[in-house]
Protein backbone atom coordinates (compact mmCIF):
# COMPACT_ATOMS: atom_id res chain seq x y z
CA MET A 1 0.00 0.00 0.00
CA CYS A 2 2.14 2.87 -1.25
CA ASP A 3 2.23 6.00 -3.41
CA ARG A 4 0.07 6.75 -6.49
CA ARG A 5 -2.40 4.30 -5.18
CA TRP A 6 -5.11 4.95 -2.73
CA ALA A 7 -2.70 3.75 -0.05
CA ALA A 8 -0.95 7.09 -0.29
CA ALA A 9 -3.89 8.38 1.70
CA ALA A 10 -6.73 6.19 2.89
CA VAL A 11 -4.79 2.96 3.08
CA LEU A 12 -2.03 4.65 5.02
CA LEU A 13 -4.70 5.63 7.51
CA VAL A 14 -6.22 2.16 7.70
CA ILE A 15 -2.83 0.50 7.99
CA SER A 16 -1.67 2.94 10.64
CA PHE A 17 -4.63 1.79 12.74
CA VAL A 18 -3.92 -1.86 12.02
CA GLY A 19 -0.29 -1.44 13.00
CA ARG A 20 -1.35 -0.53 16.53
CA LEU A 21 -3.77 -3.39 16.99
CA PRO A 22 -3.40 -6.26 19.44
CA ALA A 23 -4.23 -9.91 19.10
CA GLN A 24 -5.18 -12.49 21.66
CA GLU A 25 -3.02 -15.20 23.07
CA SER A 26 -1.75 -17.50 20.33
CA THR A 27 -2.75 -20.66 22.23
CA PRO A 28 -5.29 -21.91 21.51
CA ARG A 29 -5.48 -20.55 17.96
CA LEU A 30 -9.17 -19.96 17.40
CA ASP A 31 -9.95 -20.39 13.72
CA PRO A 32 -13.45 -21.60 12.94
CA SER A 33 -13.11 -21.04 9.19
CA PRO A 34 -13.50 -24.37 7.33
CA HIS A 35 -10.02 -24.64 5.81
CA THR A 36 -7.02 -26.91 6.11
CA VAL A 37 -3.49 -25.56 6.48
CA GLN A 38 -0.32 -26.71 4.76
CA PHE A 39 3.12 -25.24 4.11
CA VAL A 40 4.68 -25.15 0.65
CA THR A 41 8.39 -24.65 -0.02
CA VAL A 42 8.84 -21.88 -2.59
CA ASP A 43 12.52 -21.00 -2.18
CA LYS A 44 15.54 -22.07 -0.17
CA ASP A 45 14.47 -22.15 3.48
CA VAL A 46 11.21 -20.37 2.61
CA LYS A 47 7.81 -21.95 3.20
CA LEU A 48 4.46 -20.29 2.69
CA GLU A 49 1.25 -20.99 4.55
CA VAL A 50 -1.47 -22.18 2.17
CA LEU A 51 -5.11 -22.41 3.24
CA ASP A 52 -7.52 -24.74 1.44
CA TRP A 53 -11.23 -24.09 1.89
CA GLY A 54 -12.15 -26.90 -0.50
CA GLY A 55 -14.96 -26.65 -3.01
CA SER A 56 -15.40 -27.91 -6.53
CA GLY A 57 -14.75 -26.38 -9.91
CA ARG A 58 -12.04 -24.10 -11.22
CA PRO A 59 -9.21 -23.38 -8.75
CA LEU A 60 -9.30 -19.88 -7.28
CA VAL A 61 -6.37 -18.49 -5.27
CA LEU A 62 -6.75 -15.55 -2.86
CA LEU A 63 -3.76 -13.25 -2.18
CA ASP A 64 -3.86 -10.85 0.76
CA GLY A 65 -2.83 -7.21 1.12
CA LEU A 66 0.26 -5.78 2.78
CA GLY A 67 0.41 -6.67 6.46
CA ASN A 68 -2.37 -9.22 6.19
CA THR A 69 -2.37 -13.00 5.90
CA ALA A 70 -4.59 -15.41 4.00
CA HIS A 71 -6.80 -15.61 7.11
CA VAL A 72 -8.20 -12.19 6.22
CA PHE A 73 -10.39 -14.14 3.77
CA ASP A 74 -11.73 -16.55 6.42
CA ASP A 75 -15.27 -15.17 6.12
CA PHE A 76 -15.16 -14.35 2.40
CA ALA A 77 -13.65 -17.54 0.99
CA PRO A 78 -16.45 -19.94 2.03
CA LYS A 79 -18.90 -17.86 -0.06
CA LEU A 80 -17.02 -19.06 -3.17
CA THR A 81 -16.65 -22.79 -2.52
CA SER A 82 -20.00 -23.72 -4.08
CA GLN A 83 -18.52 -22.88 -7.50
CA TYR A 84 -14.74 -22.95 -7.10
CA HIS A 85 -11.98 -24.76 -5.24
CA VAL A 86 -10.65 -21.95 -3.08
CA TYR A 87 -7.10 -21.51 -1.73
CA GLY A 88 -5.30 -18.68 0.05
CA ILE A 89 -1.59 -17.88 0.28
CA THR A 90 0.18 -15.88 3.00
CA ARG A 91 3.20 -14.15 1.41
CA ARG A 92 6.67 -14.45 2.85
CA GLY A 93 7.41 -12.17 5.78
CA PHE A 94 3.96 -12.36 7.35
CA GLY A 95 1.88 -14.63 9.56
CA ALA A 96 2.98 -18.24 9.74
CA SER A 97 4.97 -18.04 6.48
CA SER A 98 8.76 -17.84 6.58
CA SER A 99 10.31 -14.41 7.13
CA PRO A 100 13.63 -14.34 5.26
CA ASP A 101 15.75 -11.20 5.05
CA THR A 102 15.50 -11.09 1.25
CA GLY A 103 13.15 -11.97 -1.60
CA TYR A 104 10.62 -9.14 -1.47
CA SER A 105 10.80 -7.82 -5.01
CA ALA A 106 7.51 -7.89 -6.88
CA ASP A 107 8.68 -10.55 -9.34
CA ARG A 108 10.14 -12.73 -6.58
CA LEU A 109 6.82 -12.57 -4.73
CA GLY A 110 5.10 -13.44 -8.00
CA ASP A 111 7.44 -16.41 -8.38
CA ASP A 112 6.47 -17.53 -4.88
CA VAL A 113 2.85 -17.71 -6.04
CA LEU A 114 3.84 -19.67 -9.14
CA ALA A 115 5.80 -22.10 -6.96
CA VAL A 116 2.66 -22.75 -4.92
CA LEU A 117 0.67 -23.35 -8.10
CA ASP A 118 3.30 -25.86 -9.20
CA ALA A 119 3.40 -27.64 -5.84
CA LEU A 120 -0.39 -27.97 -5.70
CA LYS A 121 -0.62 -28.74 -9.43
CA LEU A 122 -3.22 -26.03 -9.98
CA ASP A 123 -4.11 -25.79 -13.65
CA HIS A 124 -4.93 -22.25 -14.85
CA PRO A 125 -6.40 -20.89 -11.63
CA VAL A 126 -8.03 -17.51 -11.22
CA LEU A 127 -5.85 -15.32 -8.99
CA VAL A 128 -7.68 -12.83 -6.76
CA GLY A 129 -5.54 -10.21 -5.02
CA HIS A 130 -6.32 -7.48 -2.52
CA SER A 131 -4.34 -4.23 -2.29
CA ILE A 132 -0.56 -4.75 -2.66
CA ALA A 133 -1.23 -8.23 -4.07
CA GLY A 134 -1.95 -6.36 -7.29
CA GLU A 135 1.79 -6.33 -7.92
CA GLU A 136 1.94 -10.12 -7.72
CA LEU A 137 -1.02 -10.40 -10.11
CA SER A 138 0.62 -8.02 -12.60
CA SER A 139 3.99 -9.73 -12.28
CA ILE A 140 2.43 -13.03 -13.27
CA GLY A 141 0.06 -11.49 -15.81
CA SER A 142 2.91 -9.73 -17.61
CA ARG A 143 5.54 -12.48 -17.44
CA HIS A 144 3.55 -15.74 -17.35
CA PRO A 145 -0.03 -15.08 -18.50
CA GLU A 146 -0.24 -18.64 -19.80
CA ARG A 147 -0.22 -19.90 -16.21
CA VAL A 148 -3.55 -18.35 -15.19
CA ALA A 149 -7.13 -18.18 -16.43
CA GLY A 150 -7.72 -14.66 -15.15
CA LEU A 151 -6.78 -12.00 -12.61
CA VAL A 152 -9.10 -10.18 -10.19
CA TYR A 153 -7.84 -6.98 -8.52
CA LEU A 154 -9.72 -6.05 -5.32
CA ASP A 155 -8.86 -2.37 -4.86
CA ALA A 156 -5.44 -3.54 -6.02
CA GLY A 157 -5.08 -1.77 -9.36
CA TYR A 158 -2.91 1.13 -8.24
CA SER A 159 0.52 2.12 -9.54
CA TYR A 160 2.29 -0.94 -8.13
CA ALA A 161 -0.04 -3.00 -10.38
CA TYR A 162 -0.37 -0.71 -13.40
CA TYR A 163 2.00 2.22 -13.85
CA ASP A 164 0.80 5.16 -15.91
CA ARG A 165 3.63 7.53 -16.81
CA THR A 166 1.34 10.54 -17.12
CA LEU A 167 0.13 10.09 -13.52
CA GLY A 168 3.49 9.14 -12.07
CA ASP A 169 4.20 7.69 -8.65
CA LEU A 170 6.58 9.07 -6.04
CA ASN A 171 7.83 5.68 -4.90
CA LEU A 172 8.32 4.17 -8.37
CA ASP A 173 9.73 7.34 -9.90
CA SER A 174 12.15 7.71 -6.99
CA LEU A 175 13.30 4.11 -7.38
CA ASP A 176 13.89 4.68 -11.09
CA PHE A 177 15.84 7.88 -10.35
CA GLU A 178 18.01 6.11 -7.77
CA LYS A 179 18.76 3.29 -10.20
CA LYS A 180 19.92 5.72 -12.88
CA GLU A 181 21.93 7.66 -10.30
CA ASP A 182 23.68 4.46 -9.19
CA GLU A 183 24.50 3.59 -12.81
CA PHE A 184 25.89 7.08 -13.36
CA GLU A 185 28.08 6.92 -10.26
CA ALA A 186 29.33 3.46 -11.24
CA GLY A 187 31.39 5.10 -13.99
CA VAL A 188 29.97 3.55 -17.14
CA GLU A 189 31.03 4.56 -20.64
CA PRO A 190 31.05 8.36 -21.29
CA SER A 191 28.24 8.03 -23.83
CA ASP A 192 26.11 6.20 -21.27
CA MET A 193 26.94 8.74 -18.58
CA LYS A 194 25.85 11.55 -20.88
CA ARG A 195 22.57 9.75 -21.61
CA LEU A 196 21.95 9.06 -17.93
CA ALA A 197 22.70 12.68 -17.00
CA GLN A 198 20.11 13.85 -19.53
CA GLU A 199 17.54 11.35 -18.26
CA LEU A 200 18.17 12.36 -14.65
CA GLN A 201 17.65 16.00 -15.57
CA LEU A 202 14.39 15.16 -17.33
CA ASP A 203 13.24 13.12 -14.34
CA LEU A 204 13.57 15.98 -11.87
CA PRO A 205 10.35 17.79 -12.92
CA LYS A 206 8.46 14.50 -12.68
CA LEU A 207 9.72 13.92 -9.13
CA ALA A 208 8.81 17.49 -8.20
CA ASN A 209 5.28 16.92 -9.47
CA ASP A 210 5.05 13.65 -7.53
CA ILE A 211 6.03 15.49 -4.37
CA ARG A 212 3.41 18.18 -4.99
CA GLU A 213 0.78 15.47 -5.41
CA MET A 214 1.87 13.83 -2.17
CA GLN A 215 1.58 17.16 -0.39
CA LYS A 216 -1.98 17.47 -1.70
CA ASN A 217 -2.68 13.98 -0.34
CA LEU A 218 -1.46 14.91 3.10
CA GLU A 219 -3.46 18.14 3.16
CA VAL A 220 -6.79 16.35 2.71
CA LEU A 221 -6.18 13.39 5.03
CA PRO A 222 -8.71 13.35 7.84
CA SER A 223 -7.31 13.22 11.36
CA GLU A 224 -6.78 9.80 12.90
CA PRO A 225 -9.18 8.42 15.50
CA PRO A 226 -8.13 8.49 19.15
CA GLU A 227 -5.90 5.74 20.47
CA PRO A 228 -7.73 2.67 21.81
CA THR A 229 -8.15 2.73 25.57
CA ASP A 230 -6.91 0.09 27.98
CA ALA A 231 -10.44 -1.32 27.95
CA ASP A 232 -10.29 -1.56 24.15
CA ARG A 233 -7.01 -3.49 24.46
CA ALA A 234 -8.23 -5.81 27.21
CA SER A 235 -9.51 -8.57 24.95
CA PHE A 236 -9.79 -9.42 21.31
CA PRO A 237 -13.60 -8.94 21.24
CA ALA A 238 -13.15 -5.51 22.84
CA TRP A 239 -10.48 -4.54 20.36
CA SER A 240 -12.48 -5.91 17.44
CA SER A 241 -15.45 -3.81 18.52
CA TRP A 242 -13.23 -0.67 18.68
CA GLN A 243 -11.81 -1.38 15.26
CA GLU A 244 -15.28 -1.85 13.78
CA ARG A 245 -16.50 1.40 15.34
CA THR A 246 -13.63 3.35 13.81
CA VAL A 247 -12.45 1.71 10.57
CA GLY A 248 -15.70 -0.13 9.85
CA ASN A 249 -14.55 -3.65 8.99
CA ARG A 250 -14.95 -6.66 11.21
CA THR A 251 -11.81 -8.63 10.46
CA PRO A 252 -11.87 -12.39 11.22
CA GLU A 253 -10.43 -13.11 14.65
CA ALA A 254 -7.95 -15.62 13.27
CA GLU A 255 -6.44 -12.86 11.13
CA TRP A 256 -5.61 -10.72 14.16
CA ARG A 257 -4.11 -13.75 15.88
CA GLU A 258 -1.84 -14.32 12.88
CA ILE A 259 -0.75 -10.67 12.67
CA PHE A 260 -0.13 -9.87 16.34
CA THR A 261 1.44 -11.44 19.39
CA ALA A 262 -0.18 -11.06 22.78
CA THR A 263 0.86 -10.78 26.38
CA SER A 264 0.50 -13.76 28.66
CA ASP A 265 -2.86 -12.46 29.83
CA GLY A 266 -4.14 -11.90 26.29
CA ARG A 267 -3.67 -8.14 26.13
CA VAL A 268 -2.00 -6.04 23.43
CA GLY A 269 1.01 -7.57 21.77
CA LYS A 270 3.46 -6.61 19.06
CA PRO A 271 3.15 -7.41 15.34
CA HIS A 272 4.81 -10.65 14.30
CA ALA A 273 6.22 -9.18 11.08
CA ASN A 274 9.57 -7.43 10.94
CA PRO A 275 8.89 -3.69 10.42
CA SER A 276 11.55 -3.61 7.68
CA THR A 277 9.55 -6.03 5.52
CA ARG A 278 7.13 -3.33 4.40
CA GLY A 279 10.05 -1.17 3.26
CA ALA A 280 11.59 -4.09 1.39
CA ILE A 281 8.33 -4.61 -0.51
CA ARG A 282 8.15 -0.90 -1.34
CA ARG A 283 11.71 -0.96 -2.70
CA GLY A 284 10.90 -4.05 -4.76
CA GLN A 285 8.04 -2.56 -6.77
CA ASN A 286 8.06 -2.59 -10.58
CA GLU A 287 6.50 -0.47 -13.30
CA TYR A 288 4.05 -2.90 -14.90
CA THR A 289 2.50 -1.58 -18.11
CA SER A 290 1.43 -4.73 -19.97
CA ILE A 291 -0.85 -7.38 -18.46
CA ARG A 292 -1.59 -10.15 -20.91
CA ALA A 293 -4.29 -12.08 -19.09
CA PRO A 294 -8.04 -11.56 -18.67
CA VAL A 295 -8.53 -8.93 -15.98
CA LEU A 296 -11.28 -7.74 -13.64
CA VAL A 297 -10.23 -4.72 -11.57
CA ILE A 298 -12.48 -3.31 -8.87
CA PHE A 299 -11.81 0.16 -7.44
CA ALA A 300 -13.37 1.86 -4.44
CA VAL A 301 -14.02 5.43 -5.65
CA PRO A 302 -14.20 7.35 -3.40
CA HIS A 303 -13.14 5.29 -0.42
CA ASP A 304 -15.18 4.99 2.74
CA LEU A 305 -12.77 5.40 5.66
CA GLY A 306 -15.21 4.06 8.22
CA PRO A 307 -17.66 5.31 10.85
CA TYR A 308 -15.18 7.56 12.65
CA PHE A 309 -14.71 9.66 9.52
CA SER A 310 -18.37 9.87 8.57
CA THR A 311 -18.73 13.16 10.44
CA ASN A 312 -15.15 14.38 10.01
CA ASN A 313 -15.02 17.96 8.79
CA ARG A 314 -12.36 17.04 6.23
CA ARG A 315 -14.38 14.23 4.70
CA SER A 316 -15.66 16.28 1.74
CA ALA A 317 -12.16 17.48 0.83
CA PHE A 318 -10.81 13.94 1.04
CA GLU A 319 -13.58 12.47 -1.09
CA ALA A 320 -13.10 15.15 -3.75
CA TRP A 321 -9.39 14.38 -3.87
CA ASP A 322 -10.01 10.63 -3.87
CA GLU A 323 -12.53 10.89 -6.72
CA SER A 324 -9.81 12.55 -8.78
CA TYR A 325 -6.91 10.40 -7.59
CA SER A 326 -8.40 6.89 -7.56
CA GLY A 327 -10.71 7.73 -10.46
CA ALA A 328 -7.73 8.76 -12.57
CA GLN A 329 -5.95 5.49 -11.81
CA ALA A 330 -9.07 3.48 -12.68
CA LYS A 331 -9.36 5.35 -15.98
CA ALA A 332 -5.65 4.84 -16.72
CA PHE A 333 -5.89 1.11 -16.01
CA GLY A 334 -8.83 0.74 -18.38
CA ALA A 335 -7.12 2.78 -21.11
CA GLY A 336 -3.81 0.96 -20.75
CA ILE A 337 -5.37 -2.52 -20.62
CA PRO A 338 -8.39 -2.10 -22.94
CA SER A 339 -9.51 -5.71 -22.48
CA ALA A 340 -9.87 -5.24 -18.71
CA ARG A 341 -13.25 -5.06 -17.01
CA VAL A 342 -12.99 -2.01 -14.71
CA VAL A 343 -15.57 -1.51 -11.97
CA GLN A 344 -15.85 1.46 -9.60
CA LEU A 345 -17.81 1.03 -6.36
CA PRO A 346 -18.74 4.37 -4.74
CA ARG A 347 -17.86 4.71 -1.05
CA ALA A 348 -16.59 1.18 -0.66
CA ASN A 349 -13.94 0.46 1.94
CA HIS A 350 -10.40 -0.42 0.86
CA PHE A 351 -11.25 -3.93 2.13
CA VAL A 352 -13.88 -4.00 -0.57
CA PHE A 353 -14.54 -7.73 -0.22
CA MET A 354 -15.76 -6.99 3.32
CA SER A 355 -17.64 -3.73 2.83
CA ASN A 356 -19.19 -4.65 -0.53
CA GLU A 357 -19.17 -8.42 -0.42
CA ALA A 358 -22.29 -8.91 -2.57
CA ASP A 359 -20.99 -6.55 -5.28
CA VAL A 360 -17.60 -8.24 -5.36
CA LEU A 361 -19.08 -11.75 -5.49
CA ARG A 362 -21.42 -10.75 -8.32
CA GLU A 363 -18.66 -9.19 -10.40
CA MET A 364 -16.27 -12.06 -9.77
CA ARG A 365 -18.78 -14.74 -10.72
CA ALA A 366 -19.82 -12.93 -13.90
CA PHE A 367 -16.16 -12.46 -14.87
CA ILE A 368 -15.16 -16.05 -14.16
CA GLU A 369 -18.18 -17.46 -16.02
CA ARG A 370 -16.90 -15.79 -19.19
CA LEU A 371 -13.39 -17.23 -18.87
CA PRO A 372 -12.37 -20.13 -21.09
CA MET A 373 -11.90 -23.44 -19.38
CA TRP A 374 -8.56 -25.17 -19.04
CA PRO A 375 -6.63 -25.93 -22.25
CA GLY A 376 -7.59 -29.26 -23.71
CA THR A 377 -11.23 -29.17 -22.70
CA VAL A 378 -14.18 -28.86 -25.03
CA THR A 379 -14.71 -25.25 -23.91
CA ASP A 380 -11.15 -24.23 -24.66
CA ASN A 381 -12.29 -21.71 -27.26
CA LEU A 382 -14.05 -18.36 -27.19
CA ARG A 383 -16.07 -16.72 -29.90
CA LEU A 384 -14.92 -13.14 -30.40
CA PRO A 385 -17.04 -10.64 -32.34
CA GLY A 386 -15.78 -10.37 -35.90
CA VAL A 387 -13.09 -12.98 -35.27
CA GLY A 388 -14.83 -16.29 -34.71
CA PHE A 389 -13.33 -18.93 -32.45
CA ILE A 390 -9.98 -18.23 -30.88
CA SER A 391 -7.97 -20.44 -28.53
CA PHE A 392 -7.36 -19.70 -24.87
CA HIS A 393 -3.63 -19.24 -25.46
CA ALA A 394 -4.29 -16.78 -28.28
CA VAL A 395 -6.62 -14.78 -26.07
CA VAL A 396 -3.96 -14.56 -23.37
CA SER A 397 -1.05 -13.78 -25.66
CA LEU A 398 -2.93 -11.13 -27.64
CA GLY A 399 -4.57 -9.56 -24.62
CA THR A 400 -7.91 -9.65 -26.40
CA PHE A 401 -10.18 -11.03 -23.72
CA PRO A 402 -13.64 -9.75 -24.70
CA ASN A 403 -15.25 -7.07 -22.53
CA PRO A 404 -18.80 -6.74 -23.88
CA THR A 405 -20.03 -4.84 -20.85
CA GLY A 406 -17.33 -2.21 -20.90
CA THR A 407 -16.22 -0.17 -17.93
CA ALA A 408 -18.67 0.11 -15.06
């Protein structure tokens, strides 16, 4: 959840609340969601937690947002098992998955997902990602589109997932500038140094504009809610109630238990994840501009920040900014990936699969119903207007997945 995405504002607020939240004692681990748990090796000394909710039909894999684990889908996933076989993956660095010091670039995280698909022998699954998981979706959709049937972005289509040069992004543009600066200082050939110097000079106005946009973001951010009281921290139910009163979502209890430690008496604990992991993921972002798989991308425009902000005197200013900011990214995604189905849900929460569950389920099911089946089956072809039948692999490689309904 970073710059040129809604996380530059609203998500930063939501995550700042989450970062202060406690969990209950880790024993016993209360998790009533109907899934099994296994661990899959994806790299040397790296294992990822994989949840399996069961179900029949096409495989569907859920990827969580930054700071979350697959347990964030404990309530949502069972709603899908009547039509799909549903899995969830907790990325490295979080929850019960391994927390190595390295391996947090977007493509490496995408490779981790592919390794799980290989280990479980999942044939052309649909990948569904929330928030920062958009970078993993785009990594796979740009490098290995033949591995998936489709990609679903749940408020995950921001600059880490689709980079639009006209909009820019402070984090990505800064990373690009630093890379060129390092190359220049490394003492390459004079002709290369001259080229890099010119590019660095041209990049400066873009960075200045990114900074101005960030300043605008900060000016319209509503104030944070008050800190939880000792009573709010006394038990998980008490904390969960506080969180729902402020942010608005009721996160599954098992998710909080995976994210946070707890004191011996079950009071507030510290996050399990290393604080540096978030920074490593930020530094590992890529500029994805070509996604060659069928895409459904759902944006919350403007975002609902929860009950605490409903009467905030800065709400109107924030929503006006967010309409422009998130709306521009949604428009850019649709223009850059014309085959994508882009949906905007007014005043949905960043955790859109919680706040607007029925909308998300409806859009997902309609999208998946239109996807071709696995290669080799009798439904391996699609009829495209004016083209006739075209194979699944051709659809993926050409990026021509039909979008008869257009942008919502």
